């Protein structure tokens, strides 16, 4: 997993001066960042273990400017790295030294809100939370809600197909995306989808969502708005045994009950979140479930009674139902603050595996064993309802060899997820973090088909280079120009 290191900027001197001249002709002076201190702010994202200084940073404000920059980059064979807010936990926005970072954060306008069709059309740099805030007074919201929703942009959400706590009921980004405007590697502007459900033709939106900026640069998106529920209420259930909490989750889903969210925290995670947020979490339990249901008061009460009936089979030692909107917000503040709260006490590697719910208890036990074998502490906090695990492996980056060891530990956890019948990413994407683990899931034929799609959209492999695919494999494909397969394989 550990492939990137800090590199020098010796490449910058080899770039023809005409590149900068051509870029300055289509950009305002403050949109092109060339000085070292300015570029340094973009050398990494939320996976801070890897840092590479980009060649330059460009801050476009319109689709037309993105297209003009892409055309110039194509002419000079310069790689482009699209970037939203830099909240990627998988290194999705880490540049290479020959690349220009195309930061979309200034493209932050809400273009249109259409309540008749329940859609919002926004620029790429609009934050996730800003969409819900814009329509809240009118009784609507945008469903995907990653923990970084205050900062993360809609373009980044589309790139990584982000989810969040409420994806159990409402799905992830691809289930809430209706249309995109996208700039290709050579500067063409394409539009896919529309302000309606289930468009005719090939489903390019599902291809673009999760493509990690490797197929094109999304500059606008039309997303689905949903009516706010009549009410919502979370319940906290504490257990003295992690297995009991895991089995409780599986039983709830197994009985056909789909709450809005089911979140899981183990004892270390509970302690850190409570110290940060003061959410009233119990500190004397081994595992805590945060379960939210919604609807009318009658529907909420009925759902909560069903959940309590199921939970009673697993002997919860703590039960607490929120009695007010303020109490519910405080409970959720603790969960939403988890990653930041953990960052106050330790550096950590956040994993993002997915497993079948039936294997939850077994996998959690094995995660603990793997981390103990590497002498790392781990805090587990994740979306239990859909089996999307987020073990936070704590380490000290100042210790020689520690980063390499924590990566090996994380790789074992993700391999465990695959062996359990799951996969290596649920909502954070592959980026650079997991690209060398992709063969755990895919064989040569799988890679060949995926790379053919990449090549169609980006023939020179200049968009967000060195992400998703193992380097040796992607280089082998580029060398052949068409396929990884031999004639016998084909």
Protein backbone atom coordinates (compact mmCIF):
# COMPACT_ATOMS: atom_id res chain seq x y z
CA UNK A 1 0.00 0.00 0.00
CA UNK A 2 2.77 2.49 0.81
CA UNK A 3 3.90 3.82 -2.54
CA UNK A 4 4.06 7.59 -2.40
CA UNK A 5 6.78 9.55 -0.68
CA UNK A 6 7.61 13.23 -0.65
CA UNK A 7 9.43 14.07 -3.87
CA UNK A 8 11.36 17.04 -5.21
CA UNK A 9 10.10 19.53 -7.76
CA UNK A 10 12.88 19.04 -10.28
CA UNK A 11 10.28 18.43 -12.99
CA UNK A 12 8.96 21.99 -12.84
CA UNK A 13 12.05 23.35 -14.56
CA UNK A 14 11.41 21.15 -17.62
CA UNK A 15 7.95 22.55 -18.37
CA UNK A 16 7.92 24.94 -21.34
CA UNK A 17 7.22 28.55 -20.45
CA UNK A 18 4.51 28.63 -23.09
CA UNK A 19 2.37 26.38 -20.83
CA UNK A 20 2.18 29.10 -18.18
CA UNK A 21 1.58 31.73 -20.86
CA UNK A 22 -1.32 29.76 -22.34
CA UNK A 23 -2.86 29.13 -18.92
CA UNK A 24 -2.60 32.80 -17.95
CA UNK A 25 -4.53 33.72 -21.10
CA UNK A 26 -7.61 31.79 -19.90
CA UNK A 27 -7.32 32.42 -16.14
CA UNK A 28 -7.33 35.37 -13.74
CA UNK A 29 -4.03 35.96 -11.91
CA UNK A 30 -5.28 34.55 -8.60
CA UNK A 31 -6.48 31.34 -10.25
CA UNK A 32 -3.01 30.00 -11.04
CA UNK A 33 -0.85 29.06 -8.04
CA UNK A 34 2.82 28.47 -8.80
CA UNK A 35 4.66 29.48 -5.63
CA UNK A 36 5.90 26.69 -3.37
CA UNK A 37 4.00 27.76 -0.26
CA UNK A 38 0.74 27.89 -2.23
CA UNK A 39 1.27 24.51 -3.85
CA UNK A 40 2.21 22.90 -0.55
CA UNK A 41 -1.36 23.25 0.67
CA UNK A 42 -2.37 20.77 -2.04
CA UNK A 43 0.37 18.16 -1.66
CA UNK A 44 -1.88 15.81 0.31
CA UNK A 45 -5.47 15.14 1.31
CA UNK A 46 -6.93 13.55 4.46
CA UNK A 47 -4.61 10.55 3.98
CA UNK A 48 -1.76 12.72 5.22
CA UNK A 49 0.89 10.01 5.30
CA UNK A 50 1.57 10.68 1.60
CA UNK A 51 2.67 14.05 0.24
CA UNK A 52 3.67 15.05 -3.27
CA UNK A 53 4.10 18.67 -4.35
CA UNK A 54 2.14 19.32 -7.56
CA UNK A 55 3.48 21.23 -10.54
CA UNK A 56 0.82 23.91 -10.13
CA UNK A 57 -2.65 24.47 -8.71
CA UNK A 58 -5.52 25.98 -10.69
CA UNK A 59 -8.73 27.32 -9.16
CA UNK A 60 -11.35 27.41 -11.95
CA UNK A 61 -14.67 29.19 -11.47
CA UNK A 62 -16.66 27.94 -14.48
CA UNK A 63 -17.07 24.83 -16.61
CA UNK A 64 -15.66 26.81 -19.52
CA UNK A 65 -12.47 27.49 -17.61
CA UNK A 66 -12.15 23.80 -16.67
CA UNK A 67 -12.57 22.87 -20.34
CA UNK A 68 -9.97 25.44 -21.43
CA UNK A 69 -7.45 24.18 -18.86
CA UNK A 70 -8.11 20.56 -19.84
CA UNK A 71 -7.53 21.37 -23.51
CA UNK A 72 -4.23 23.12 -22.70
CA UNK A 73 -3.11 20.26 -20.43
CA UNK A 74 -3.98 17.82 -23.22
CA UNK A 75 -1.90 19.82 -25.70
CA UNK A 76 1.14 19.74 -23.39
CA UNK A 77 0.51 16.17 -22.08
CA UNK A 78 0.20 17.42 -18.48
CA UNK A 79 -1.65 15.20 -15.99
CA UNK A 80 -4.64 16.71 -14.15
CA UNK A 81 -5.74 15.83 -10.62
CA UNK A 82 -9.32 16.95 -9.87
CA UNK A 83 -9.80 17.98 -6.24
CA UNK A 84 -12.79 19.01 -4.18
CA UNK A 85 -12.17 19.78 -0.52
CA UNK A 86 -9.35 17.27 -0.05
CA UNK A 87 -11.24 15.18 2.51
CA UNK A 88 -10.42 11.86 0.80
CA UNK A 89 -9.25 9.22 3.28
CA UNK A 90 -7.89 7.02 0.48
CA UNK A 91 -5.43 9.44 -1.10
CA UNK A 92 -7.81 10.14 -3.95
CA UNK A 93 -6.54 13.71 -4.41
CA UNK A 94 -2.82 13.17 -3.79
CA UNK A 95 -1.04 14.54 -6.89
CA UNK A 96 2.06 13.44 -8.74
CA UNK A 97 4.94 15.86 -9.23
CA UNK A 98 4.23 16.39 -12.95
CA UNK A 99 0.51 17.10 -12.43
CA UNK A 100 -1.61 20.19 -12.14
CA UNK A 101 -4.17 20.07 -9.33
CA UNK A 102 -7.54 21.34 -10.53
CA UNK A 103 -9.24 22.52 -7.33
CA UNK A 104 -12.98 23.01 -7.82
CA UNK A 105 -13.78 24.69 -4.50
CA UNK A 106 -14.58 28.07 -6.09
CA UNK A 107 -17.32 26.48 -8.17
CA UNK A 108 -19.73 26.72 -5.26
CA UNK A 109 -23.01 28.02 -6.67
CA UNK A 110 -26.39 26.34 -6.31
CA UNK A 111 -27.65 26.75 -9.86
CA UNK A 112 -31.27 25.63 -9.57
CA UNK A 113 -33.73 24.12 -7.11
CA UNK A 114 -36.76 22.46 -8.67
CA UNK A 115 -39.29 21.31 -6.10
CA UNK A 116 -41.71 20.08 -8.75
CA UNK A 117 -39.21 17.47 -9.87
CA UNK A 118 -37.47 17.35 -6.47
CA UNK A 119 -34.01 18.15 -7.81
CA UNK A 120 -31.13 20.49 -7.10
CA UNK A 121 -28.52 21.40 -9.70
CA UNK A 122 -25.25 22.54 -8.18
CA UNK A 123 -21.68 23.30 -9.14
CA UNK A 124 -18.97 20.80 -8.29
CA UNK A 125 -17.58 22.72 -5.31
CA UNK A 126 -20.85 23.00 -3.38
CA UNK A 127 -20.53 21.17 -0.08
CA UNK A 128 -22.69 18.21 0.75
CA UNK A 129 -24.36 19.90 3.72
CA UNK A 130 -25.00 23.14 1.80
CA UNK A 131 -27.57 21.38 -0.38
CA UNK A 132 -29.67 20.30 2.60
CA UNK A 133 -29.29 23.71 4.21
CA UNK A 134 -30.54 25.42 1.06
CA UNK A 135 -33.80 23.44 0.99
CA UNK A 136 -34.35 22.80 4.70
CA UNK A 137 -36.93 25.56 5.22
CA UNK A 138 -39.03 24.14 2.42
CA UNK A 139 -39.08 20.68 3.95
CA UNK A 140 -36.51 18.87 1.81
CA UNK A 141 -33.01 17.42 2.22
CA UNK A 142 -30.21 15.69 0.31
CA UNK A 143 -29.83 12.19 1.72
CA UNK A 144 -26.14 11.10 1.47
CA UNK A 145 -24.43 12.39 4.61
CA UNK A 146 -20.73 11.48 4.99
CA UNK A 147 -19.18 12.50 8.31
CA UNK A 148 -17.21 15.20 6.49
CA UNK A 149 -20.41 16.65 4.98
CA UNK A 150 -19.68 20.12 6.36
CA UNK A 151 -16.57 20.31 4.16
CA UNK A 152 -16.69 17.65 1.43
CA UNK A 153 -17.88 18.69 -2.01
CA UNK A 154 -20.46 17.11 -4.28
CA UNK A 155 -17.78 16.43 -6.92
CA UNK A 156 -15.71 14.52 -4.38
CA UNK A 157 -18.80 12.62 -3.26
CA UNK A 158 -19.48 11.61 -6.87
CA UNK A 159 -15.83 10.64 -7.41
CA UNK A 160 -15.81 8.28 -4.42
CA UNK A 161 -19.52 7.36 -4.46
CA UNK A 162 -19.76 8.53 -0.85
CA UNK A 163 -22.40 7.28 1.56
CA UNK A 164 -22.83 8.18 5.21
CA UNK A 165 -24.82 7.12 8.21
CA UNK A 166 -28.21 7.34 6.50
CA UNK A 167 -27.28 5.34 3.41
CA UNK A 168 -28.90 2.26 4.95
CA UNK A 169 -32.31 3.60 3.94
CA UNK A 170 -31.52 6.17 1.25
CA UNK A 171 -28.52 4.69 -0.54
CA UNK A 172 -25.17 6.22 -1.47
CA UNK A 173 -24.37 8.98 -3.98
CA UNK A 174 -25.14 6.92 -7.10
CA UNK A 175 -28.69 6.29 -5.83
CA UNK A 176 -29.27 10.03 -5.49
CA UNK A 177 -27.55 11.31 -8.64
CA UNK A 178 -29.63 12.29 -11.67
CA UNK A 179 -27.26 14.15 -14.01
CA UNK A 180 -23.71 15.44 -14.38
CA UNK A 181 -21.84 17.85 -16.58
CA UNK A 182 -18.33 16.54 -17.12
CA UNK A 183 -15.19 17.79 -18.88
CA UNK A 184 -13.14 15.13 -20.67
CA UNK A 185 -9.36 14.80 -20.68
CA UNK A 186 -9.09 16.79 -23.91
CA UNK A 187 -11.50 19.56 -22.91
CA UNK A 188 -14.85 18.45 -24.32
CA UNK A 189 -17.97 19.10 -22.23
CA UNK A 190 -20.36 16.15 -21.90
CA UNK A 191 -23.72 15.85 -20.15
CA UNK A 192 -25.26 12.63 -18.85
CA UNK A 193 -28.69 12.02 -17.31
CA UNK A 194 -31.38 14.62 -16.69
CA UNK A 195 -33.84 15.95 -14.13
CA UNK A 196 -35.84 12.73 -14.17
CA UNK A 197 -35.60 9.17 -12.94
CA UNK A 198 -34.24 6.25 -14.94
CA UNK A 199 -33.09 7.93 -18.19
CA UNK A 200 -32.98 5.92 -21.42
CA UNK A 201 -29.76 4.52 -22.83
CA UNK A 202 -26.64 3.32 -21.07
CA UNK A 203 -26.33 4.18 -17.39
CA UNK A 204 -23.24 6.38 -17.60
CA UNK A 205 -24.05 7.97 -14.24
CA UNK A 206 -23.37 4.71 -12.42
CA UNK A 207 -20.07 4.51 -14.29
CA UNK A 208 -19.04 8.04 -13.36
CA UNK A 209 -20.07 7.76 -9.71
CA UNK A 210 -17.11 6.06 -8.06
CA UNK A 211 -14.70 6.57 -10.97
CA UNK A 212 -12.45 8.71 -8.73
CA UNK A 213 -11.90 11.50 -11.26
CA UNK A 214 -10.31 9.07 -13.70
CA UNK A 215 -12.91 9.36 -16.46
CA UNK A 216 -13.58 13.09 -16.44
CA UNK A 217 -13.87 16.23 -14.33
CA UNK A 218 -17.38 16.71 -12.97
CA UNK A 219 -18.28 20.42 -12.92
CA UNK A 220 -22.04 20.30 -12.26
CA UNK A 221 -24.46 17.75 -10.85
CA UNK A 222 -28.21 17.37 -10.52
CA UNK A 223 -29.16 15.45 -7.39
CA UNK A 224 -32.36 14.10 -5.93
CA UNK A 225 -34.11 15.96 -3.13
CA UNK A 226 -36.29 14.11 -0.64
CA UNK A 227 -39.11 15.31 1.58
CA UNK A 228 -38.08 15.58 5.19
CA UNK A 229 -39.73 12.92 7.34
CA UNK A 230 -42.42 13.95 9.77
CA UNK A 231 -40.06 13.09 12.60
CA UNK A 232 -36.97 11.09 13.50
CA UNK A 233 -35.68 9.67 16.77
CA UNK A 234 -32.47 7.82 17.69
CA UNK A 235 -32.10 5.16 20.33
CA UNK A 236 -28.86 4.14 22.04
CA UNK A 237 -28.33 0.51 22.99
CA UNK A 238 -25.26 -0.47 25.02
CA UNK A 239 -23.97 -4.03 25.30
CA UNK A 240 -21.43 -5.69 27.58
CA UNK A 241 -20.35 -7.91 24.72
CA UNK A 242 -19.35 -6.90 21.17
CA UNK A 243 -20.70 -10.14 19.74
CA UNK A 244 -24.12 -9.38 21.21
CA UNK A 245 -24.18 -5.97 19.53
CA UNK A 246 -23.19 -7.47 16.19
CA UNK A 247 -25.77 -10.22 16.46
CA UNK A 248 -28.42 -7.65 17.38
CA UNK A 249 -27.73 -5.71 14.17
CA UNK A 250 -28.00 -8.86 12.07
CA UNK A 251 -31.27 -9.82 13.78
CA UNK A 252 -32.85 -6.37 13.20
CA UNK A 253 -32.04 -6.44 9.49
CA UNK A 254 -32.95 -10.12 9.28
CA UNK A 255 -36.47 -9.37 10.51
CA UNK A 256 -36.95 -6.93 7.64
CA UNK A 257 -36.70 -3.75 9.72
CA UNK A 258 -34.81 -1.01 7.87
CA UNK A 259 -34.08 1.93 10.18
CA UNK A 260 -32.64 5.14 8.73
CA UNK A 261 -29.29 4.29 10.29
CA UNK A 262 -27.57 1.75 12.51
CA UNK A 263 -24.17 2.95 13.76
CA UNK A 264 -21.71 0.93 15.87
CA UNK A 265 -19.04 2.08 18.33
CA UNK A 266 -16.79 -0.06 20.50
CA UNK A 267 -15.44 0.97 23.91
CA UNK A 268 -12.37 2.92 22.66
CA UNK A 269 -14.51 4.81 20.13
CA UNK A 270 -17.21 5.54 22.71
CA UNK A 271 -14.65 7.02 25.09
CA UNK A 272 -13.05 9.28 22.49
CA UNK A 273 -16.38 10.54 21.12
CA UNK A 274 -17.85 11.17 24.55
CA UNK A 275 -14.80 13.12 25.71
CA UNK A 276 -15.04 15.29 22.60
CA UNK A 277 -18.79 15.82 22.24
CA UNK A 278 -20.33 15.14 25.66
CA UNK A 279 -23.15 13.25 23.97
CA UNK A 280 -24.08 11.25 27.07
CA UNK A 281 -22.72 7.95 25.78
CA UNK A 282 -22.31 5.22 28.43
CA UNK A 283 -18.65 4.56 29.24
CA UNK A 284 -19.18 1.21 30.92
CA UNK A 285 -20.24 -0.83 27.86
CA UNK A 286 -18.18 -2.71 25.29
CA UNK A 287 -20.32 -1.73 22.32
CA UNK A 288 -22.91 0.91 21.52
CA UNK A 289 -25.51 0.93 18.76
CA UNK A 290 -27.01 4.22 17.58
CA UNK A 291 -30.21 3.37 15.72
CA UNK A 292 -32.48 6.00 14.17
CA UNK A 293 -36.02 5.53 12.89
CA UNK A 294 -38.32 8.05 11.25
CA UNK A 295 -41.95 8.72 10.37
CA UNK A 296 -44.98 9.87 12.33
CA UNK A 297 -44.93 9.61 16.13
CA UNK A 298 -46.97 6.43 15.87
CA UNK A 299 -44.62 4.91 13.28
CA UNK A 300 -41.55 5.85 15.32
CA UNK A 301 -42.99 4.39 18.52
CA UNK A 302 -43.92 1.15 16.74
CA UNK A 303 -40.47 0.79 15.15
CA UNK A 304 -38.68 1.49 18.41
CA UNK A 305 -40.77 -1.11 20.21
CA UNK A 306 -39.84 -3.68 17.56
CA UNK A 307 -36.16 -2.80 17.93
CA UNK A 308 -36.34 -3.01 21.73
CA UNK A 309 -38.07 -6.40 21.46
CA UNK A 310 -35.28 -7.74 19.25
CA UNK A 311 -32.54 -6.14 21.34
CA UNK A 312 -33.90 -7.75 24.53
CA UNK A 313 -32.72 -11.13 23.18
CA UNK A 314 -29.14 -9.86 23.49
CA UNK A 315 -29.44 -8.34 26.98
CA UNK A 316 -28.48 -4.68 26.45
CA UNK A 317 -27.19 -3.08 29.63
CA UNK A 318 -28.03 0.45 28.48
CA UNK A 319 -31.12 1.78 26.69
CA UNK A 320 -31.83 5.43 25.93
CA UNK A 321 -34.33 6.95 23.53
CA UNK A 322 -33.88 10.60 22.60
CA UNK A 323 -36.77 12.69 23.90
CA UNK A 324 -36.13 15.94 22.00
CA UNK A 325 -34.61 17.24 18.78
CA UNK A 326 -31.80 18.80 20.79
CA UNK A 327 -30.96 15.49 22.47
CA UNK A 328 -31.02 13.70 19.12
CA UNK A 329 -28.68 16.30 17.60
CA UNK A 330 -26.24 15.87 20.49
CA UNK A 331 -26.27 12.09 20.08
CA UNK A 332 -25.50 12.45 16.37
CA UNK A 333 -22.86 15.12 17.00
CA UNK A 334 -20.84 12.54 18.93
CA UNK A 335 -20.98 10.08 16.03
CA UNK A 336 -20.31 12.64 13.31
CA UNK A 337 -17.29 13.95 15.23
CA UNK A 338 -15.67 10.55 15.59
CA UNK A 339 -12.84 10.89 13.08
CA UNK A 340 -11.91 14.37 14.23
CA UNK A 341 -12.13 13.34 17.87
CA UNK A 342 -9.80 10.42 17.25
CA UNK A 343 -7.36 12.73 15.49
CA UNK A 344 -6.97 14.71 18.73
CA UNK A 345 -5.32 11.80 20.49
CA UNK A 346 -3.52 9.82 17.79
CA UNK A 347 -2.69 9.48 14.14
CA UNK A 348 -4.77 6.72 12.64
CA UNK A 349 -5.41 4.79 9.46
CA UNK A 350 -9.13 4.57 8.72
CA UNK A 351 -10.10 1.40 6.90
CA UNK A 352 -13.23 1.06 4.77
CA UNK A 353 -14.14 -2.58 4.23
CA UNK A 354 -17.56 -4.12 3.77
CA UNK A 355 -18.77 -7.48 5.04
CA UNK A 356 -22.00 -9.49 5.13
CA UNK A 357 -23.92 -8.74 8.33
CA UNK A 358 -23.94 -12.42 9.23
CA UNK A 359 -20.15 -12.25 9.63
CA UNK A 360 -20.07 -9.05 11.73
CA UNK A 361 -19.24 -10.60 15.10
CA UNK A 362 -16.60 -12.95 13.69
CA UNK A 363 -14.89 -10.24 11.66
CA UNK A 364 -14.79 -7.78 14.58
CA UNK A 365 -13.10 -10.42 16.72
CA UNK A 366 -10.52 -11.13 14.02
CA UNK A 367 -9.86 -7.41 13.48
CA UNK A 368 -8.96 -7.17 17.15
CA UNK A 369 -6.63 -10.16 16.83
CA UNK A 370 -4.91 -8.71 13.75
CA UNK A 371 -4.30 -5.35 15.42
CA UNK A 372 -2.99 -7.01 18.58
CA UNK A 373 -0.54 -9.03 16.49
CA UNK A 374 0.90 -5.74 15.19
CA UNK A 375 0.70 -4.14 18.67
CA UNK A 376 -1.71 -1.44 17.48
CA UNK A 377 -4.76 -0.19 19.31
CA UNK A 378 -7.94 -0.04 17.25
CA UNK A 379 -11.24 1.75 17.65
CA UNK A 380 -14.20 0.46 15.66
CA UNK A 381 -16.88 2.90 14.53
CA UNK A 382 -18.90 2.18 11.44
CA UNK A 383 -22.18 1.87 9.55
CA UNK A 384 -23.33 -1.42 10.98
CA UNK A 385 -26.61 -1.57 9.08
CA UNK A 386 -24.93 -2.22 5.74
CA UNK A 387 -21.75 -3.84 7.05
CA UNK A 388 -19.47 -0.91 6.12
CA UNK A 389 -16.62 -1.16 8.64
CA UNK A 390 -14.33 1.72 9.67
CA UNK A 391 -11.64 0.36 12.00
CA UNK A 392 -9.39 3.24 13.10
CA UNK A 393 -5.89 1.82 13.60
CA UNK A 394 -3.86 4.10 15.86
CA UNK A 395 -0.13 4.54 15.20
CA UNK A 396 2.79 6.93 15.66
CA UNK A 397 4.09 8.25 12.35
CA UNK A 398 7.29 9.47 14.05
CA UNK A 399 8.43 5.90 14.69
CA UNK A 400 10.60 4.51 11.89
CA UNK A 401 8.77 1.84 9.92
CA UNK A 402 5.48 2.52 11.66
CA UNK A 403 3.61 3.64 8.54
CA UNK A 404 4.66 0.50 6.67
CA UNK A 405 3.52 -1.68 9.58
CA UNK A 406 0.14 0.00 9.94
CA UNK A 407 -0.44 -0.42 6.21
CA UNK A 408 0.30 -4.13 6.45
CA UNK A 409 -2.12 -4.34 9.36
CA UNK A 410 -4.79 -2.54 7.34
CA UNK A 411 -4.18 -4.77 4.34
CA UNK A 412 -4.81 -7.87 6.48
CA UNK A 413 -8.09 -6.38 7.67
CA UNK A 414 -9.26 -5.70 4.12
CA UNK A 415 -8.21 -9.18 3.01
CA UNK A 416 -10.27 -10.50 5.91
CA UNK A 417 -13.29 -8.55 4.61
CA UNK A 418 -12.92 -10.10 1.15
CA UNK A 419 -12.52 -13.61 2.57
CA UNK A 420 -15.69 -13.03 4.60
CA UNK A 421 -17.57 -12.36 1.36
CA UNK A 422 -17.26 -8.57 1.33
CA UNK A 423 -15.10 -6.02 -0.44
CA UNK A 424 -12.24 -3.57 0.16
CA UNK A 425 -14.17 -0.30 0.01
CA UNK A 426 -17.66 0.86 0.83
CA UNK A 427 -17.58 4.64 0.47
CA UNK A 428 -14.01 5.99 0.68
CA UNK A 429 -12.85 4.76 -2.71
CA UNK A 430 -9.61 3.07 -3.71
CA UNK A 431 -7.27 6.00 -4.39
CA UNK A 432 -3.67 5.12 -3.67
CA UNK A 433 -4.47 3.50 -0.33
CA UNK A 434 -6.03 0.32 -1.71
CA UNK A 435 -4.88 0.15 -5.34
CA UNK A 436 -2.39 -2.67 -4.69
CA UNK A 437 -5.09 -4.60 -2.84
CA UNK A 438 -7.45 -4.61 -5.82
CA UNK A 439 -6.23 -8.08 -6.93
CA UNK A 440 -7.83 -9.43 -3.75
CA UNK A 441 -11.14 -8.93 -5.54
CA UNK A 442 -10.47 -8.78 -9.27
CA UNK A 443 -8.73 -11.06 -11.75
CA UNK A 444 -6.97 -10.11 -14.99
CA UNK A 445 -10.16 -10.20 -17.04
CA UNK A 446 -11.88 -7.88 -14.58
CA UNK A 447 -8.99 -5.42 -14.71
CA UNK A 448 -8.83 -5.61 -18.47
CA UNK A 449 -12.48 -4.60 -18.85
CA UNK A 450 -12.17 -1.78 -16.31
CA UNK A 451 -9.03 -0.42 -17.96
CA UNK A 452 -10.66 -0.50 -21.41
CA UNK A 453 -13.29 1.88 -20.04
CA UNK A 454 -10.61 4.10 -18.52
CA UNK A 455 -8.79 4.17 -21.87
CA UNK A 456 -11.93 5.16 -23.77
CA UNK A 457 -12.45 8.25 -21.62
CA UNK A 458 -8.78 9.04 -20.95
CA UNK A 459 -6.60 7.59 -23.75
CA UNK A 460 -3.37 9.06 -22.37
CA UNK A 461 -4.11 8.14 -18.75
CA UNK A 462 -3.63 11.73 -17.59
CA UNK A 463 -6.68 12.13 -15.34
CA UNK A 464 -5.90 11.50 -11.66
CA UNK A 465 -2.98 9.22 -12.54
CA UNK A 466 -1.70 6.32 -10.43
CA UNK A 467 -5.02 5.76 -8.66
CA UNK A 468 -7.32 2.71 -8.42
CA UNK A 469 -5.31 0.25 -10.54
CA UNK A 470 -2.05 -1.43 -9.36
CA UNK A 471 0.81 0.48 -10.99
CA UNK A 472 2.47 -2.48 -12.70
CA UNK A 473 -0.85 -3.63 -14.12
CA UNK A 474 -1.91 -0.20 -15.40
CA UNK A 475 1.52 0.33 -16.95
CA UNK A 476 1.33 -3.06 -18.67
CA UNK A 477 -2.05 -2.13 -20.13
CA UNK A 478 -0.76 1.22 -21.37
CA UNK A 479 2.27 -0.47 -22.93
CA UNK A 480 0.04 -2.76 -25.00
CA UNK A 481 -2.39 0.04 -25.74
CA UNK A 482 -5.41 -2.23 -25.64
CA UNK A 483 -5.39 -5.26 -23.33
CA UNK A 484 -3.78 -7.19 -20.51
CA UNK A 485 -4.94 -10.48 -21.95
CA UNK A 486 -2.96 -12.80 -24.15
CA UNK A 487 -4.62 -14.37 -27.18
CA UNK A 488 -5.16 -17.54 -25.16
CA UNK A 489 -6.86 -15.57 -22.37
CA UNK A 490 -9.10 -13.80 -24.85
